[in-house]
Protein backbone atom coordinates (compact mmCIF):
# COMPACT_ATOMS: atom_id res chain seq x y z
CA MET A 1 -80.13 -146.27 208.73
CA ALA A 2 -76.50 -145.08 208.60
CA THR A 3 -74.95 -143.33 205.96
CA VAL A 4 -71.25 -143.64 204.36
CA VAL A 5 -70.14 -140.88 202.50
CA PRO A 6 -67.65 -141.08 199.51
CA PHE A 7 -65.23 -138.07 199.76
CA ARG A 8 -61.90 -136.79 197.89
CA ALA A 9 -58.83 -137.47 200.43
CA LEU A 10 -56.17 -135.14 201.19
CA ARG A 11 -53.40 -138.45 201.07
CA PRO A 12 -49.76 -139.14 200.80
CA PRO A 13 -48.32 -140.36 197.58
CA ALA A 14 -47.53 -144.15 198.48
CA GLY A 15 -43.63 -143.18 198.81
CA LEU A 16 -44.31 -140.58 201.83
CA ALA A 17 -46.76 -142.66 203.87
CA GLY A 18 -44.72 -143.84 206.48
CA LYS A 19 -42.74 -140.15 207.11
CA VAL A 20 -46.47 -138.48 207.05
CA ALA A 21 -48.75 -141.10 209.67
CA SER A 22 -48.38 -139.80 213.48
CA PRO A 23 -50.19 -140.67 216.31
CA PRO A 24 -53.75 -139.14 217.22
CA TYR A 25 -52.80 -135.97 218.77
CA ASP A 26 -54.50 -137.01 222.27
CA VAL A 27 -51.75 -139.85 223.01
CA VAL A 28 -48.93 -138.12 222.85
CA SER A 29 -47.75 -134.97 224.97
CA THR A 30 -46.11 -131.78 223.38
CA LYS A 31 -42.76 -132.90 224.56
CA GLU A 32 -43.82 -136.50 222.69
CA ALA A 33 -44.88 -134.76 219.55
CA ARG A 34 -42.01 -132.66 218.89
CA ALA A 35 -39.05 -135.51 219.57
CA LEU A 36 -41.06 -137.88 217.63
CA ALA A 37 -41.47 -135.01 214.64
CA LYS A 38 -37.70 -133.85 214.90
CA GLY A 39 -35.83 -133.40 211.79
CA ASN A 40 -38.87 -134.78 209.79
CA ALA A 41 -40.85 -131.70 208.00
CA ASP A 42 -43.41 -134.23 206.34
CA SER A 43 -44.88 -135.19 209.98
CA PHE A 44 -48.22 -134.86 210.40
CA LEU A 45 -47.90 -133.79 214.33
CA ARG A 46 -46.90 -130.13 212.47
CA VAL A 47 -50.70 -130.14 211.88
CA SER A 48 -52.51 -132.06 214.98
CA ARG A 49 -50.23 -131.06 217.23
CA PRO A 50 -48.81 -127.72 215.46
CA GLU A 51 -47.31 -125.73 219.01
CA ILE A 52 -44.30 -127.91 217.90
CA ASP A 53 -43.56 -125.65 215.14
CA LEU A 54 -43.52 -122.77 217.86
CA ALA A 55 -41.79 -121.70 220.85
CA GLU A 56 -41.35 -124.08 223.51
CA GLY A 57 -44.05 -123.24 226.30
CA THR A 58 -46.33 -121.73 223.80
CA ASP A 59 -49.87 -122.17 225.33
CA GLU A 60 -51.41 -124.79 223.12
CA HIS A 61 -54.69 -123.72 222.78
CA SER A 62 -53.43 -120.14 221.90
CA ASP A 63 -54.65 -118.56 218.66
CA PRO A 64 -51.10 -118.70 216.90
CA VAL A 65 -51.28 -122.95 217.42
CA TYR A 66 -54.70 -122.98 215.57
CA ALA A 67 -53.23 -120.87 212.97
CA LYS A 68 -49.73 -122.95 212.49
CA GLY A 69 -51.96 -125.78 212.12
CA ALA A 70 -53.92 -124.64 208.74
CA GLU A 71 -50.54 -122.90 207.89
CA ASN A 72 -48.77 -126.02 208.26
CA LEU A 73 -51.47 -128.44 206.59
CA ALA A 74 -51.40 -125.63 203.63
CA GLU A 75 -47.83 -126.33 203.29
CA LEU A 76 -48.11 -129.60 203.03
CA VAL A 77 -50.64 -129.76 200.08
CA ARG A 78 -48.15 -127.33 198.33
CA ARG A 79 -45.34 -129.61 198.41
CA GLY A 80 -47.35 -132.42 197.45
CA VAL A 81 -47.18 -134.36 200.98
CA LEU A 82 -50.58 -134.40 200.58
CA ARG A 83 -52.47 -134.59 197.65
CA GLN A 84 -56.11 -134.65 196.52
CA GLU A 85 -58.02 -137.24 195.31
CA ALA A 86 -59.62 -136.67 191.72
CA GLU A 87 -63.22 -138.15 192.98
CA PRO A 88 -64.64 -139.27 196.26
CA ARG A 89 -63.99 -142.40 197.01
CA LEU A 90 -64.37 -144.66 199.91
CA TYR A 91 -61.14 -146.34 201.57
CA VAL A 92 -60.30 -149.74 203.54
CA TYR A 93 -57.83 -149.20 206.40
CA ALA A 94 -56.06 -152.65 208.12
CA GLN A 95 -53.99 -152.92 211.16
CA ARG A 96 -52.23 -155.64 212.85
CA MET A 97 -50.79 -155.82 215.82
CA GLY A 98 -48.99 -158.47 217.09
CA GLU A 99 -52.21 -161.08 216.77
CA HIS A 100 -54.66 -158.97 216.36
CA ARG A 101 -55.84 -157.89 213.24
CA GLN A 102 -58.40 -155.14 212.47
CA THR A 103 -60.19 -153.79 209.02
CA GLY A 104 -62.21 -150.37 208.76
CA LEU A 105 -64.28 -148.13 206.08
CA VAL A 106 -62.60 -144.85 205.60
CA ALA A 107 -65.42 -142.61 205.12
CA CYS A 108 -67.53 -139.70 206.17
CA ALA A 109 -70.15 -139.86 208.51
CA SER A 110 -73.20 -137.65 208.76
CA VAL A 111 -73.52 -135.16 211.43
CA ASP A 112 -77.29 -135.23 210.56
CA GLU A 113 -77.46 -138.90 212.24
CA TYR A 114 -74.89 -138.52 214.92
CA ASP A 115 -77.29 -135.76 216.47
CA ARG A 116 -80.20 -137.52 215.72
CA ASP A 117 -78.48 -140.29 217.90
CA VAL A 118 -78.48 -142.54 214.62
CA ILE A 119 -74.40 -142.49 215.73
CA LYS A 120 -74.35 -143.35 219.64
CA LYS A 121 -72.43 -142.21 222.26
CA HIS A 122 -71.34 -143.59 225.69
CA GLU A 123 -69.24 -140.63 227.23
CA LYS A 124 -69.67 -137.43 228.46
CA THR A 125 -67.60 -134.81 226.77
CA ARG A 126 -65.43 -132.28 228.42
CA ALA A 127 -66.42 -128.66 227.67
CA ASP A 128 -62.49 -127.37 227.45
CA LYS A 129 -61.48 -130.44 225.36
CA GLU A 130 -64.23 -130.02 223.01
CA ASP A 131 -63.69 -126.39 222.66
CA ASP A 132 -60.53 -127.28 221.68
CA ARG A 133 -61.43 -129.38 218.44
CA VAL A 134 -63.99 -126.88 217.52
CA ARG A 135 -61.48 -124.24 217.12
CA HIS A 136 -59.15 -126.59 215.68
CA ILE A 137 -61.19 -127.99 212.73
CA ASP A 138 -62.45 -124.90 212.05
CA THR A 139 -59.49 -123.22 211.64
CA LEU A 140 -58.08 -126.00 209.35
CA SER A 141 -61.57 -126.02 207.49
CA ALA A 142 -60.98 -129.77 207.79
CA HIS A 143 -61.55 -133.00 209.99
CA ASP A 144 -57.64 -133.93 209.96
CA GLU A 145 -58.50 -136.87 212.46
CA PRO A 146 -60.83 -139.74 212.24
CA VAL A 147 -63.82 -140.51 214.49
CA PHE A 148 -63.26 -144.30 215.68
CA LEU A 149 -66.57 -145.81 214.82
CA THR A 150 -68.00 -149.16 215.67
CA TYR A 151 -71.39 -150.97 214.08
CA ARG A 152 -72.60 -154.99 214.94
CA ALA A 153 -70.64 -156.92 211.98
CA VAL A 154 -72.86 -157.69 209.28
CA ALA A 155 -71.68 -160.75 207.21
CA GLU A 156 -71.84 -158.88 203.57
CA ILE A 157 -70.14 -156.15 204.45
CA ASP A 158 -67.30 -157.98 205.51
CA ARG A 159 -67.26 -159.47 202.18
CA ALA A 160 -67.05 -156.64 200.36
CA VAL A 161 -64.35 -155.25 202.27
CA GLU A 162 -62.57 -158.53 201.39
CA ASP A 163 -63.19 -158.28 197.89
CA VAL A 164 -61.16 -154.66 198.36
CA LYS A 165 -58.30 -156.56 199.73
CA ARG A 166 -57.68 -158.62 196.76
CA ALA A 167 -55.88 -156.10 195.33
CA ALA A 168 -52.67 -154.99 196.17
CA PRO A 169 -52.82 -152.03 198.91
CA GLU A 170 -52.24 -148.70 198.20
CA TYR A 171 -50.02 -148.30 201.30
CA ASP A 172 -48.33 -150.96 203.68
CA LEU A 173 -46.11 -149.75 206.14
CA VAL A 174 -45.12 -150.37 210.08
CA THR A 175 -44.96 -147.48 212.43
CA PRO A 176 -42.20 -147.49 215.07
CA ASP A 177 -44.51 -149.08 217.59
CA GLY A 178 -44.68 -151.97 215.24
CA VAL A 179 -48.16 -151.59 214.13
CA GLY A 180 -48.72 -152.68 210.44
CA HIS A 181 -51.14 -150.13 208.27
CA GLN A 182 -52.58 -150.86 204.90
CA LEU A 183 -54.77 -148.64 202.77
CA TRP A 184 -56.55 -149.52 199.35
CA VAL A 185 -58.69 -147.07 197.71
CA VAL A 186 -62.19 -148.88 197.28
CA PRO A 187 -63.39 -149.23 193.29
CA PRO A 188 -66.58 -147.27 192.40
CA ALA A 189 -68.62 -150.57 192.15
CA ILE A 190 -67.46 -152.07 195.28
CA GLY A 191 -68.05 -148.65 196.70
CA ALA A 192 -71.54 -148.39 195.89
CA ARG A 193 -72.62 -152.07 197.31
CA ILE A 194 -70.84 -151.01 200.55
CA GLU A 195 -72.56 -147.90 200.33
CA ALA A 196 -76.03 -149.94 199.87
CA LEU A 197 -74.93 -152.51 202.44
CA PHE A 198 -74.45 -149.87 204.98
CA ARG A 199 -77.77 -148.30 204.47
CA ALA A 200 -79.71 -151.42 206.44
CA VAL A 201 -77.16 -151.18 209.65
CA PRO A 202 -79.69 -149.74 212.37
CA ALA A 203 -77.00 -147.12 214.46
CA LEU A 204 -73.07 -146.77 214.51
CA TYR A 205 -71.32 -146.52 218.08
CA VAL A 206 -68.88 -144.13 218.97
CA ALA A 207 -66.26 -145.65 220.25
CA ASP A 208 -63.23 -143.49 220.13
CA GLY A 209 -63.10 -139.87 219.77
CA HIS A 210 -66.25 -138.19 220.82
CA HIS A 211 -64.75 -134.57 221.39
CA ARG A 212 -63.81 -134.45 217.48
CA SER A 213 -67.75 -135.68 216.36
CA ALA A 214 -69.19 -133.54 219.12
CA ALA A 215 -66.69 -130.21 217.51
CA ALA A 216 -67.82 -131.69 213.91
CA SER A 217 -71.23 -130.80 214.79
CA ARG A 218 -70.55 -127.47 216.52
CA VAL A 219 -68.43 -126.47 213.38
CA HIS A 220 -71.74 -127.91 211.18
CA ALA A 221 -74.53 -125.68 212.44
CA LYS A 222 -71.70 -122.65 212.44
CA ARG A 223 -70.98 -123.04 208.65
CA ARG A 224 -74.68 -124.53 207.32
CA GLY A 225 -75.03 -123.49 204.22
CA GLN A 226 -71.62 -122.40 203.46
CA PRO A 227 -70.15 -123.62 200.31
CA GLY A 228 -67.94 -126.67 201.13
CA GLU A 229 -69.61 -127.68 204.00
CA HIS A 230 -71.73 -130.63 203.90
CA GLY A 231 -72.32 -131.67 207.19
CA VAL A 232 -69.94 -134.70 207.47
CA PHE A 233 -67.37 -135.73 209.32
CA LEU A 234 -63.93 -138.14 209.09
CA ALA A 235 -64.65 -141.41 210.45
CA VAL A 236 -62.72 -145.37 210.13
CA VAL A 237 -65.74 -147.46 210.82
CA PHE A 238 -65.34 -151.23 212.58
CA PRO A 239 -67.11 -154.03 213.00
CA HIS A 240 -67.81 -154.63 216.73
CA ASP A 241 -66.14 -158.51 216.36
CA GLN A 242 -63.06 -156.75 214.98
CA MET A 243 -62.52 -154.50 218.09
CA GLN A 244 -59.59 -154.85 220.55
CA ILE A 245 -60.27 -153.10 223.92
CA LEU A 246 -57.86 -152.90 226.96
CA ALA A 247 -58.20 -151.69 230.31
CA TYR A 248 -58.07 -148.54 231.56
CA ASN A 249 -55.96 -148.96 234.94
CA ARG A 250 -56.59 -146.54 237.90
CA LEU A 251 -53.69 -144.97 240.13
CA VAL A 252 -54.78 -144.10 243.74
CA ARG A 253 -53.65 -141.64 245.82
CA ASP A 254 -55.19 -141.73 249.91
CA PRO A 255 -55.92 -138.53 250.97
CA ARG A 256 -55.89 -140.13 254.73
CA GLY A 257 -52.41 -141.54 254.30
CA ARG A 258 -53.32 -144.69 255.79
CA SER A 259 -50.83 -147.71 255.97
CA PRO A 260 -50.86 -150.57 253.29
CA ASP A 261 -52.27 -152.81 255.72
CA GLU A 262 -55.07 -150.22 256.76
CA LEU A 263 -55.68 -149.87 253.00
CA LEU A 264 -55.82 -154.00 252.71
CA ALA A 265 -58.60 -154.40 255.37
CA ALA A 266 -60.62 -151.78 253.87
CA LEU A 267 -60.62 -153.30 250.99
CA ARG A 268 -61.41 -156.60 252.85
CA ALA A 269 -64.58 -154.62 254.20
CA VAL A 270 -66.05 -154.70 250.59
CA MET A 271 -64.38 -157.33 248.13
CA ASP A 272 -63.17 -160.81 249.08
CA VAL A 273 -59.14 -160.11 248.66
CA GLU A 274 -56.26 -162.57 248.30
CA PRO A 275 -52.70 -162.50 246.96
CA ALA A 276 -52.31 -162.46 243.03
CA SER A 277 -49.79 -164.32 240.89
CA GLU A 278 -49.83 -161.94 238.23
CA PRO A 279 -51.49 -158.17 237.57
CA ARG A 280 -54.29 -158.83 235.27
CA PRO A 281 -57.35 -159.76 236.77
CA ASP A 282 -58.16 -163.56 234.98
CA ALA A 283 -62.14 -162.64 234.74
CA PRO A 284 -64.81 -159.79 234.79
CA LEU A 285 -66.18 -158.48 237.90
CA SER A 286 -62.09 -158.46 240.09
CA PHE A 287 -59.49 -156.24 239.97
CA GLY A 288 -55.90 -156.59 240.29
CA VAL A 289 -54.28 -154.51 242.92
CA TYR A 290 -50.74 -153.23 243.38
CA LEU A 291 -50.79 -152.21 247.16
CA GLY A 292 -47.38 -152.53 249.68
CA GLY A 293 -45.15 -153.59 247.08
CA ARG A 294 -47.25 -156.95 245.75
CA TRP A 295 -50.41 -157.70 243.73
CA TRP A 296 -53.81 -158.75 245.24
CA ARG A 297 -56.78 -160.14 243.52
CA ALA A 298 -60.37 -157.99 244.67
CA ARG A 299 -63.44 -160.25 243.33
CA VAL A 300 -66.89 -158.43 243.44
CA ARG A 301 -69.02 -159.57 246.23
CA PRO A 302 -72.23 -161.35 244.41
CA GLY A 303 -75.14 -158.71 244.85
CA SER A 304 -73.47 -155.68 245.73
CA PHE A 305 -73.98 -153.98 242.02
CA GLU A 306 -76.99 -153.77 240.25
CA ALA A 307 -76.59 -156.82 237.85
CA LYS A 308 -79.54 -155.52 235.21
CA ASP A 309 -78.04 -151.82 234.96
CA PRO A 310 -75.85 -151.93 231.43
CA VAL A 311 -73.87 -148.98 232.94
CA ALA A 312 -73.23 -150.06 237.24
CA ALA A 313 -72.37 -153.70 236.21
CA LEU A 314 -69.27 -152.36 234.28
CA ASP A 315 -66.07 -153.18 236.03
CA CYS A 316 -65.48 -149.70 236.08
CA SER A 317 -68.01 -148.43 237.51
CA ILE A 318 -67.97 -150.56 240.48
CA ALA A 319 -64.74 -149.63 240.86
CA GLN A 320 -65.85 -145.98 241.34
CA ASP A 321 -69.24 -146.92 243.52
CA GLN A 322 -67.36 -149.45 245.66
CA LEU A 323 -63.81 -148.41 246.11
CA LEU A 324 -62.91 -144.73 244.39
CA ALA A 325 -65.85 -143.10 246.25
CA PRO A 326 -66.55 -144.84 249.51
CA LEU A 327 -63.06 -145.56 250.16
CA PHE A 328 -61.16 -142.73 248.78
CA GLY A 329 -63.50 -140.05 248.62
CA ILE A 330 -63.24 -139.80 245.12
CA GLN A 331 -66.75 -138.59 243.71
CA ASP A 332 -65.43 -137.21 240.63
CA PRO A 333 -62.57 -139.09 239.17
CA ARG A 334 -63.08 -136.18 236.18
CA THR A 335 -61.65 -133.88 238.68
CA SER A 336 -60.12 -135.41 241.82
CA LYS A 337 -56.20 -134.89 242.02
CA ASP A 338 -56.16 -138.27 243.86
CA VAL A 339 -56.65 -140.76 241.01
CA ASP A 340 -54.97 -140.73 237.57
CA PHE A 341 -55.61 -143.20 234.56
CA VAL A 342 -53.05 -145.13 232.50
CA GLY A 343 -53.90 -146.88 229.41
CA GLY A 344 -53.50 -150.34 229.27
CA ILE A 345 -51.58 -150.83 226.44
CA ARG A 346 -48.77 -149.35 228.89
CA GLY A 347 -48.81 -152.09 231.10
CA ALA A 348 -48.85 -153.27 234.80
CA ALA A 349 -44.72 -153.04 235.11
CA GLU A 350 -45.53 -148.73 234.03
CA LEU A 351 -48.47 -148.85 237.18
CA GLU A 352 -46.02 -150.42 239.63
CA ARG A 353 -42.85 -147.57 238.40
CA ARG A 354 -45.61 -144.80 239.30
CA VAL A 355 -46.77 -145.75 242.37
CA LYS A 356 -43.04 -146.53 243.67
CA GLU A 357 -41.75 -143.17 241.86
CA GLU A 358 -44.47 -140.88 242.52
CA GLY A 359 -45.88 -142.07 245.75
CA TRP A 360 -49.79 -143.37 244.71
CA SER A 361 -50.92 -145.64 247.67
CA LEU A 362 -52.39 -148.13 245.38
CA ALA A 363 -52.76 -149.09 241.64
CA LEU A 364 -56.24 -151.12 239.93
CA HIS A 365 -55.74 -153.15 237.12
CA LEU A 366 -59.39 -153.91 235.83
CA PHE A 367 -60.56 -156.25 233.51
CA PRO A 368 -61.42 -154.82 230.05
CA THR A 369 -65.16 -153.45 229.43
CA ARG A 370 -66.51 -155.54 226.65
CA ILE A 371 -67.48 -154.17 222.96
CA GLU A 372 -70.86 -155.65 223.83
CA GLN A 373 -71.15 -153.29 227.15
CA LEU A 374 -70.49 -150.38 225.19
CA ILE A 375 -73.19 -151.09 222.62
CA ALA A 376 -75.88 -152.36 225.29
CA VAL A 377 -74.77 -148.78 227.29
CA SER A 378 -75.27 -147.07 223.88
CA ASP A 379 -78.55 -148.51 223.05
CA ALA A 380 -79.57 -147.75 226.37
CA GLY A 381 -78.63 -144.12 226.34
CA LYS A 382 -76.86 -143.76 229.17
CA LEU A 383 -73.03 -142.75 229.57
CA MET A 384 -70.03 -144.57 230.78
CA PRO A 385 -67.94 -143.82 233.66
CA PRO A 386 -64.71 -141.72 232.22
CA LYS A 387 -61.67 -143.57 231.26
CA SER A 388 -63.84 -146.87 230.47
CA THR A 389 -62.15 -148.10 227.76
CA TRP A 390 -58.38 -148.12 225.92
CA PHE A 391 -59.11 -149.08 222.07
CA GLU A 392 -55.81 -150.19 220.61
CA PRO A 393 -53.81 -150.03 217.85
CA LYS A 394 -54.62 -146.24 217.41
CA LEU A 395 -55.17 -144.78 213.74
CA ARG A 396 -52.79 -143.70 212.57
CA SER A 397 -52.75 -139.48 211.67
CA GLY A 398 -52.37 -137.75 208.38
CA LEU A 399 -53.04 -141.05 206.18
CA PHE A 400 -56.44 -139.39 205.04
CA VAL A 401 -57.51 -136.03 205.95
CA HIS A 402 -61.24 -134.68 204.73
CA ALA A 403 -60.58 -130.72 203.46
CA PHE A 404 -63.84 -128.74 203.63
């Protein structure tokens, strides 16, 4: 059983939604956030990236930064940039990116269900990032950015969501990256129907936001029994068949300093390699390899991996097990300085540029992980390698906040 909980969102008036809406905190650097928010006192980056309102060079994990985030959130509320809904409601959030469309339900999810693995995970969190989110959420007394959840699509829920979308949206905006965002407030009767339908959903899955959800659990444990703490966290829940996952690509540095010809020979010892006409792999179990100023296609050999293991069969696992570890000595990609990760939204041109300008030995363009693979790994109680998925479009921050 999965629980979705209506809540009294803090959200901007329709006329200010475009000024408030911001990229998630973890896809922009401090420098990028400062530039994006320049001249816009209503930008939600002032809450999610509050160091931009302090002196340049301020440690983003220092006490004044967390305090500034809470101060800025209170200021946005005081100025009416964010206003609290009169009654608890659910919301429908639709996004469009090129030809892709996805529509999710904005709600609070249960911390207890997260702790009991009714909300399933597929990624190991990093202690430093989790600690950062704990301090941020606890100091704000609010969940300011939603966790991205998915579930196996249910036709009746789809129909209920489409019923909500028959009305005019509360928000209808296009952000500077060209992505469209629409928001509807769910009428109470339809909301009750949706809540009931979700009670028959056996599990939810964390798609993106493992650190935020883990931090929410810790803040709940810390504040258990205190006024306003209801054991929930902010989420947007999408049906699995609307998800778009892009590749999470790799840049690799050879610590042995081998030449492109030597590296090509090493690759050919473990995979079938041929010249490629385009960077993106045309099928799973193959890689685009940018090496020696051109693209190659490396295909995984049958029988070289455990096909029945949902983790071992992932393209990103095969890249680690057959290429990064044995050929380059990269045993832990979380800590190695010889590998870097580039989200697929940045494209093959970014991989080529960084190889040329930064001296990486080669780039790997992966085939995207499929949502069915993510669900299979989560159902098996296993974990994916780091940087296995890049979901796009990203949820915009500031359009709805859950205050304790």
